[in-house]
Every structure is written in C-alpha cells, then in structure tokens.
C-alpha cells in the first residue's frame, strides 16, 4: 500500500499563529512547510525534541560540540558527484525538451500556413496526365 499524505487540523491562538507566520516568512517557506518540518523532526527523533531558546543554545555551545546548532551532516563525495551528474543530466534533458518544443511549434506553424492549401486526389491525377503529355517519347 502506498504512503498517502494525511491532513492534521488543530487550533492555536492568534498570537501563536502570527508568530508561526513570522517564522515561515523568515525561512521563506509556507506555514504548512513549518509544520511538516516540525512533524518530520518529531518522527525522526521518536518525539524526543526539546525547544531551547537561542541564548541558552549559544551558552551551551561551548560545553558540548555534538549538540551544535544548526546540526551538520557529513555527506560522502560520491553522493555529491552523483547529485552533480544528475543536475547536469536534468539540464541536458531540459535543453532537449526546449528544442523539441521549438520543433513542434515550427511544425504547427507550417501546418497552419499550409492549411488553406488542399489538394484533391483527382486534381493530382489531372496534373499527372498533363505532365505525361509534355514528356518526350
């Protein structure tokens, strides 16, 4: 069975709502994305997430480097290279798509120009007969 998204609904007071909107605006994401990030964080850490004021965080930063903020993750070079390769491939595919779109547009323009030009099969036969008369035998 697929992983379907579910909707969660709850109420917050107006001050909290405005504060959340400010957080979303500061991070340049939607309000929904703020909640999704928080829920993902809760799930990833089995609900063991603590909200700590920034001043406490800065004072504790010197005590233990393992709890630095923002958290950092070391990414293998192979992953970065693969990501760069995929970005290049995506750029190439976008260029090809643009070329194909331009070609399709050109074909559609030509079709519209030639739309008035209708040849009937009977007329083609008459043209062939006329050409036969003028050929040397």
C-alpha atoms as a PDB file:
ATOM      1  CA  UNK A   1       0.000   0.000   0.000  1.00  0.00           C
ATOM      2  CA  UNK A   2       1.314   3.479  -0.878  1.00  0.00           C
ATOM      3  CA  UNK A   3       2.385   6.175   1.508  1.00  0.00           C
ATOM      4  CA  UNK A   4      -0.590   8.558   1.490  1.00  0.00           C
ATOM      5  CA  UNK A   5      -0.474  12.050   2.962  1.00  0.00           C
ATOM      6  CA  UNK A   6      -2.889  12.773   5.790  1.00  0.00           C
ATOM      7  CA  UNK A   7      -4.272  16.102   6.966  1.00  0.00           C
ATOM      8  CA  UNK A   8      -3.926  17.257  10.567  1.00  0.00           C
ATOM      9  CA  UNK A   9      -6.060  20.111  11.855  1.00  0.00           C
ATOM     10  CA  UNK A  10      -5.848  21.969  15.183  1.00  0.00           C
ATOM     11  CA  UNK A  11      -6.392  25.424  16.621  1.00  0.00           C
ATOM     12  CA  UNK A  12      -3.864  27.918  18.005  1.00  0.00           C
ATOM     13  CA  UNK A  13      -4.389  31.373  19.452  1.00  0.00           C
ATOM     14  CA  UNK A  14      -3.901  34.438  17.274  1.00  0.00           C
ATOM     15  CA  UNK A  15      -0.518  35.390  18.786  1.00  0.00           C
ATOM     16  CA  UNK A  16       0.909  31.934  18.194  1.00  0.00           C
ATOM     17  CA  UNK A  17      -0.463  31.936  14.655  1.00  0.00           C
ATOM     18  CA  UNK A  18       1.199  35.285  13.884  1.00  0.00           C
ATOM     19  CA  UNK A  19       4.470  34.056  15.388  1.00  0.00           C
ATOM     20  CA  UNK A  20       4.305  30.958  13.179  1.00  0.00           C
ATOM     21  CA  UNK A  21       3.631  33.121  10.132  1.00  0.00           C
ATOM     22  CA  UNK A  22       6.707  35.199  11.011  1.00  0.00           C
ATOM     23  CA  UNK A  23       8.798  32.031  11.284  1.00  0.00           C
ATOM     24  CA  UNK A  24       7.548  30.861   7.901  1.00  0.00           C
ATOM     25  CA  UNK A  25       8.253  34.260   6.316  1.00  0.00           C
ATOM     26  CA  UNK A  26      11.737  34.354   7.866  1.00  0.00           C
ATOM     27  CA  UNK A  27      12.520  30.920   6.434  1.00  0.00           C
ATOM     28  CA  UNK A  28      10.793  31.804   3.123  1.00  0.00           C
ATOM     29  CA  UNK A  29       8.545  28.737   3.260  1.00  0.00           C
ATOM     30  CA  UNK A  30       4.840  28.148   3.674  1.00  0.00           C
ATOM     31  CA  UNK A  31       3.182  27.786   7.054  1.00  0.00           C
ATOM     32  CA  UNK A  32       2.373  24.189   6.158  1.00  0.00           C
ATOM     33  CA  UNK A  33       6.050  23.518   5.499  1.00  0.00           C
ATOM     34  CA  UNK A  34       6.902  24.782   9.008  1.00  0.00           C
ATOM     35  CA  UNK A  35       4.566  22.183  10.495  1.00  0.00           C
ATOM     36  CA  UNK A  36       5.736  19.433   8.145  1.00  0.00           C
ATOM     37  CA  UNK A  37       9.365  20.128   9.137  1.00  0.00           C
ATOM     38  CA  UNK A  38       8.455  20.014  12.827  1.00  0.00           C
ATOM     39  CA  UNK A  39       6.451  16.798  12.452  1.00  0.00           C
ATOM     40  CA  UNK A  40       9.294  15.200  10.474  1.00  0.00           C
ATOM     41  CA  UNK A  41      11.714  16.200  13.229  1.00  0.00           C
ATOM     42  CA  UNK A  42       9.425  14.711  15.899  1.00  0.00           C
ATOM     43  CA  UNK A  43       9.051  11.457  13.994  1.00  0.00           C
ATOM     44  CA  UNK A  44      12.787  11.196  13.226  1.00  0.00           C
ATOM     45  CA  UNK A  45      13.661  11.581  16.928  1.00  0.00           C
ATOM     46  CA  UNK A  46      10.808   9.487  18.309  1.00  0.00           C
ATOM     47  CA  UNK A  47       9.165  12.525  19.886  1.00  0.00           C
ATOM     48  CA  UNK A  48      12.299  13.454  21.821  1.00  0.00           C
ATOM     49  CA  UNK A  49      12.618  17.071  20.648  1.00  0.00           C
ATOM     50  CA  UNK A  50      13.334  19.923  23.035  1.00  0.00           C
ATOM     51  CA  UNK A  51      12.700  23.551  22.218  1.00  0.00           C
ATOM     52  CA  UNK A  52      15.567  25.641  23.569  1.00  0.00           C
ATOM     53  CA  UNK A  53      15.828  29.450  23.500  1.00  0.00           C
ATOM     54  CA  UNK A  54      18.676  30.773  21.354  1.00  0.00           C
ATOM     55  CA  UNK A  55      20.531  32.386  24.275  1.00  0.00           C
ATOM     56  CA  UNK A  56      20.637  29.040  26.125  1.00  0.00           C
ATOM     57  CA  UNK A  57      21.749  27.330  22.954  1.00  0.00           C
ATOM     58  CA  UNK A  58      24.628  29.761  22.493  1.00  0.00           C
ATOM     59  CA  UNK A  59      25.738  29.403  26.120  1.00  0.00           C
ATOM     60  CA  UNK A  60      25.696  25.593  25.858  1.00  0.00           C
ATOM     61  CA  UNK A  61      27.539  25.593  22.526  1.00  0.00           C
ATOM     62  CA  UNK A  62      30.928  25.748  24.226  1.00  0.00           C
ATOM     63  CA  UNK A  63      30.092  22.854  26.550  1.00  0.00           C
ATOM     64  CA  UNK A  64      29.458  20.107  24.011  1.00  0.00           C
ATOM     65  CA  UNK A  65      30.224  20.267  20.290  1.00  0.00           C
ATOM     66  CA  UNK A  66      27.978  17.290  19.473  1.00  0.00           C
ATOM     67  CA  UNK A  67      24.851  19.436  20.055  1.00  0.00           C
ATOM     68  CA  UNK A  68      25.847  22.362  17.859  1.00  0.00           C
ATOM     69  CA  UNK A  69      23.213  24.287  16.006  1.00  0.00           C
ATOM     70  CA  UNK A  70      22.432  24.123  13.216  1.00  0.00           C
ATOM     71  CA  UNK A  71      23.204  20.427  13.084  1.00  0.00           C
ATOM     72  CA  UNK A  72      25.733  19.390  10.449  1.00  0.00           C
ATOM     73  CA  UNK A  73      25.951  16.171   8.494  1.00  0.00           C
ATOM     74  CA  UNK A  74      28.943  14.892   6.566  1.00  0.00           C
ATOM     75  CA  UNK A  75      27.987  13.895   3.033  1.00  0.00           C
ATOM     76  CA  UNK A  76      30.147  11.433   1.074  1.00  0.00           C
ATOM     77  CA  UNK A  77      31.852  12.823  -2.060  1.00  0.00           C
ATOM     78  CA  UNK A  78      30.254  10.052  -4.123  1.00  0.00           C
ATOM     79  CA  UNK A  79      26.805  11.379  -3.207  1.00  0.00           C
ATOM     80  CA  UNK A  80      27.807  14.919  -4.206  1.00  0.00           C
ATOM     81  CA  UNK A  81      29.250  13.728  -7.524  1.00  0.00           C
ATOM     82  CA  UNK A  82      26.114  11.725  -8.279  1.00  0.00           C
ATOM     83  CA  UNK A  83      23.966  14.753  -7.415  1.00  0.00           C
ATOM     84  CA  UNK A  84      26.038  16.971  -9.738  1.00  0.00           C
ATOM     85  CA  UNK A  85      25.820  14.356 -12.515  1.00  0.00           C
ATOM     86  CA  UNK A  86      22.047  14.213 -12.146  1.00  0.00           C
ATOM     87  CA  UNK A  87      21.821  18.017 -12.233  1.00  0.00           C
ATOM     88  CA  UNK A  88      23.815  18.085 -15.482  1.00  0.00           C
ATOM     89  CA  UNK A  89      21.631  15.365 -16.958  1.00  0.00           C
ATOM     90  CA  UNK A  90      18.498  17.257 -15.924  1.00  0.00           C
ATOM     91  CA  UNK A  91      19.847  20.434 -17.568  1.00  0.00           C
ATOM     92  CA  UNK A  92      20.578  18.483 -20.756  1.00  0.00           C
ATOM     93  CA  UNK A  93      17.083  16.989 -20.758  1.00  0.00           C
ATOM     94  CA  UNK A  94      15.549  20.443 -20.247  1.00  0.00           C
ATOM     95  CA  UNK A  95      17.533  21.723 -23.249  1.00  0.00           C
ATOM     96  CA  UNK A  96      16.341  18.793 -25.356  1.00  0.00           C
ATOM     97  CA  UNK A  97      12.771  19.416 -24.258  1.00  0.00           C
ATOM     98  CA  UNK A  98      13.064  23.075 -25.260  1.00  0.00           C
ATOM     99  CA  UNK A  99      14.428  22.026 -28.673  1.00  0.00           C
ATOM    100  CA  UNK A 100      11.559  19.565 -29.177  1.00  0.00           C
ATOM    101  CA  UNK A 101       9.012  22.184 -28.139  1.00  0.00           C
ATOM    102  CA  UNK A 102      10.502  24.650 -30.626  1.00  0.00           C
ATOM    103  CA  UNK A 103      10.373  21.988 -33.355  1.00  0.00           C
ATOM    104  CA  UNK A 104       6.742  21.167 -32.556  1.00  0.00           C
ATOM    105  CA  UNK A 105       5.864  24.869 -32.640  1.00  0.00           C
ATOM    106  CA  UNK A 106       7.579  25.205 -36.020  1.00  0.00           C
ATOM    107  CA  UNK A 107       5.660  22.217 -37.373  1.00  0.00           C
ATOM    108  CA  UNK A 108       2.385  23.636 -36.064  1.00  0.00           C
ATOM    109  CA  UNK A 109       3.136  26.990 -37.703  1.00  0.00           C
ATOM    110  CA  UNK A 110       3.900  25.285 -41.010  1.00  0.00           C
ATOM    111  CA  UNK A 111       0.712  23.268 -40.728  1.00  0.00           C
ATOM    112  CA  UNK A 112      -1.335  26.410 -40.108  1.00  0.00           C
ATOM    113  CA  UNK A 113       0.284  28.115 -43.123  1.00  0.00           C
ATOM    114  CA  UNK A 114      -0.450  25.151 -45.386  1.00  0.00           C
ATOM    115  CA  UNK A 115      -3.942  24.615 -44.014  1.00  0.00           C
ATOM    116  CA  UNK A 116      -5.528  26.528 -46.895  1.00  0.00           C
ATOM    117  CA  UNK A 117      -3.591  24.506 -49.416  1.00  0.00           C
ATOM    118  CA  UNK A 118      -5.775  21.467 -50.060  1.00  0.00           C
ATOM    119  CA  UNK A 119      -5.038  19.132 -52.933  1.00  0.00           C
ATOM    120  CA  UNK A 120      -7.627  16.673 -54.080  1.00  0.00           C
ATOM    121  CA  UNK A 121      -6.542  13.307 -55.449  1.00  0.00           C
ATOM    122  CA  UNK A 122      -8.488  13.923 -58.644  1.00  0.00           C
ATOM    123  CA  UNK A 123      -6.512  17.109 -59.222  1.00  0.00           C
ATOM    124  CA  UNK A 124      -3.266  15.203 -58.712  1.00  0.00           C
ATOM    125  CA  UNK A 125      -4.324  12.678 -61.349  1.00  0.00           C
ATOM    126  CA  UNK A 126      -5.101  15.521 -63.782  1.00  0.00           C
ATOM    127  CA  UNK A 127      -1.702  17.062 -63.130  1.00  0.00           C
ATOM    128  CA  UNK A 128      -0.014  13.718 -63.836  1.00  0.00           C
ATOM    129  CA  UNK A 129      -1.936  13.396 -67.113  1.00  0.00           C
ATOM    130  CA  UNK A 130      -0.834  16.866 -68.176  1.00  0.00           C
ATOM    131  CA  UNK A 131       2.788  16.073 -67.323  1.00  0.00           C
ATOM    132  CA  UNK A 132       2.611  12.884 -69.424  1.00  0.00           C
ATOM    133  CA  UNK A 133       1.533  14.893 -72.470  1.00  0.00           C
ATOM    134  CA  UNK A 134       4.610  17.086 -72.306  1.00  0.00           C
ATOM    135  CA  UNK A 135       7.145  14.306 -71.847  1.00  0.00           C
ATOM    136  CA  UNK A 136       9.335  13.281 -74.775  1.00  0.00           C
ATOM    137  CA  UNK A 137       8.737   9.793 -76.007  1.00  0.00           C
END
